[in-house]
Protein backbone atom coordinates (compact mmCIF):
# COMPACT_ATOMS: atom_id res chain seq x y z
CA MET A 1 16.93 -5.68 -2.40
CA GLU A 2 16.44 -4.12 1.02
CA THR A 3 16.34 -6.67 3.90
CA ARG A 4 16.60 -4.71 7.19
CA SER A 5 13.11 -3.22 7.46
CA ARG A 6 10.47 -4.29 9.99
CA ASN A 7 7.66 -2.14 8.60
CA THR A 8 6.67 -0.10 5.54
CA PHE A 9 8.23 3.15 6.72
CA GLU A 10 11.57 1.50 7.45
CA ASN A 11 11.40 -0.18 4.04
CA ALA A 12 11.04 3.25 2.44
CA ILE A 13 13.90 4.75 4.49
CA TYR A 14 16.32 1.87 3.88
CA SER A 15 15.42 1.68 0.20
CA ALA A 16 16.10 5.40 -0.16
CA GLU A 17 19.49 4.97 1.55
CA LEU A 18 20.33 2.07 -0.74
CA ILE A 19 19.13 3.57 -4.03
CA LYS A 20 19.47 7.33 -3.44
CA PRO A 21 16.59 8.28 -5.76
CA ASN A 22 16.98 11.34 -7.95
CA PRO A 23 13.99 13.76 -7.86
CA ASN A 24 13.80 13.54 -11.67
CA GLU A 25 13.40 9.75 -11.65
CA ARG A 26 10.11 7.85 -11.54
CA TRP A 27 9.99 4.60 -9.61
CA LEU A 28 7.50 1.76 -9.86
CA LEU A 29 6.18 0.63 -6.46
CA VAL A 30 4.95 -2.97 -6.51
CA THR A 31 2.95 -4.23 -3.53
CA ALA A 32 -0.43 -5.71 -2.63
CA ALA A 33 -3.34 -3.53 -3.73
CA PHE A 34 -4.75 -3.26 -0.20
CA HIS A 35 -1.37 -2.00 1.06
CA MET A 36 -0.67 0.44 -1.76
CA PRO A 37 -2.00 3.72 -0.24
CA ARG A 38 0.18 3.40 2.88
CA ALA A 39 3.22 2.28 0.90
CA ILE A 40 2.91 5.19 -1.55
CA GLY A 41 2.64 7.67 1.32
CA CYS A 42 5.77 6.29 3.00
CA PHE A 43 7.89 6.19 -0.13
CA ARG A 44 6.85 9.70 -1.17
CA ARG A 45 7.58 10.93 2.37
CA VAL A 46 11.24 9.87 2.04
CA GLY A 47 11.69 11.33 -1.44
CA PHE A 48 10.75 8.64 -3.93
CA LYS A 49 8.63 9.76 -6.87
CA VAL A 50 6.62 6.53 -7.10
CA GLU A 51 3.94 5.22 -9.41
CA ALA A 52 1.73 2.40 -8.19
CA TYR A 53 1.66 -1.09 -9.64
CA PRO A 54 -0.73 -2.97 -7.33
CA THR A 55 -0.87 -6.76 -7.18
CA GLU A 56 -2.84 -9.40 -5.25
CA TYR A 57 -6.30 -7.93 -5.65
CA THR A 58 -8.78 -9.45 -3.17
CA THR A 59 -11.94 -8.76 -5.11
CA GLY A 60 -13.72 -11.55 -6.88
CA LYS A 61 -17.04 -12.99 -7.82
CA ILE A 62 -19.75 -13.13 -5.17
CA SER A 63 -21.59 -16.41 -5.15
CA TYR A 64 -25.36 -16.70 -5.10
CA LEU A 65 -25.20 -18.17 -1.58
CA GLN A 66 -23.25 -15.18 -0.29
CA THR A 67 -25.86 -12.74 -1.56
CA VAL A 68 -28.76 -14.78 -0.18
CA PHE A 69 -27.30 -15.88 3.16
CA GLY A 70 -25.01 -12.97 3.99
CA LEU A 71 -21.29 -12.60 4.29
CA SER A 72 -18.90 -15.50 4.48
CA SER A 73 -16.00 -15.83 6.88
CA GLY A 74 -13.79 -14.71 3.99
CA ALA A 75 -15.47 -11.31 4.19
CA LEU A 76 -14.52 -11.06 7.87
CA SER A 77 -10.92 -11.81 6.94
CA ARG A 78 -10.97 -9.03 4.32
CA LEU A 79 -12.52 -6.65 6.87
CA ASP A 80 -9.67 -7.46 9.27
CA ILE A 81 -7.11 -6.60 6.58
CA ALA A 82 -8.96 -3.39 5.69
CA MET A 83 -9.15 -2.25 9.32
CA LYS A 84 -5.41 -2.84 9.78
CA GLU A 85 -4.66 -0.76 6.69
CA TRP A 86 -7.09 2.04 7.60
CA LEU A 87 -5.63 2.30 11.12
CA GLY A 88 -2.13 2.10 9.63
CA LEU A 89 -2.95 4.97 7.24
CA LEU A 90 -4.21 7.10 10.12
CA MET A 91 -1.31 6.34 12.48
CA TYR A 92 1.36 6.76 9.78
CA ARG A 93 -0.10 10.17 8.89
CA LEU A 94 -0.38 11.28 12.54
CA THR A 95 3.25 10.26 13.19
CA ASP A 96 4.49 11.94 9.97
CA ARG A 97 5.58 8.63 8.41
CA SER A 98 3.39 9.27 5.38
CA SER A 99 3.10 12.26 3.10
CA GLU A 100 -0.69 12.02 2.95
CA LEU A 101 -3.64 10.21 4.54
CA PHE A 102 -4.85 8.65 1.30
CA SER A 103 -2.65 8.66 -1.76
CA GLY A 104 -4.79 9.89 -4.60
CA THR A 105 -2.75 8.35 -7.36
CA ILE A 106 -3.02 4.75 -8.39
CA VAL A 107 -1.77 4.39 -11.90
CA HIS A 108 -1.53 1.19 -13.89
CA LEU A 109 1.53 1.37 -16.09
CA PRO A 110 1.84 -0.88 -19.11
CA ILE A 111 4.81 -3.19 -18.89
C-alpha cells in the first residue's frame, strides 16, 4: 500500500513506482464515486490501465419535506464536494496531471 502521497496525482505516481504496471494488465481502481473521474484520469496519465469500481455513493432517497420545502443543508454539503471535484478535474487537466477532463469509462466489474 502506498503511503507517501499528499494528493491523487502523487498517489498515482507513487503507486506506479511501487507496482510498475504492465501495459497488458488491467487494474481495478477503488475510490469514492464522486472522486472517480479525477482518480481515473491521474492513474491513466501515469500508465495504469484502470477500470473503475466506485464506492460511497452519495445519492439516496429524497424525503417529502425536501421536495416541498427545498434543499436541506446536506445538499449544500454535496454541492461543496461536487465543486471541489469539478475544480480539481479542471486544474488537473490544465496542469497535465490527468489524461482527460472527464473520464468516460465507469465500469462495474463483478467480483
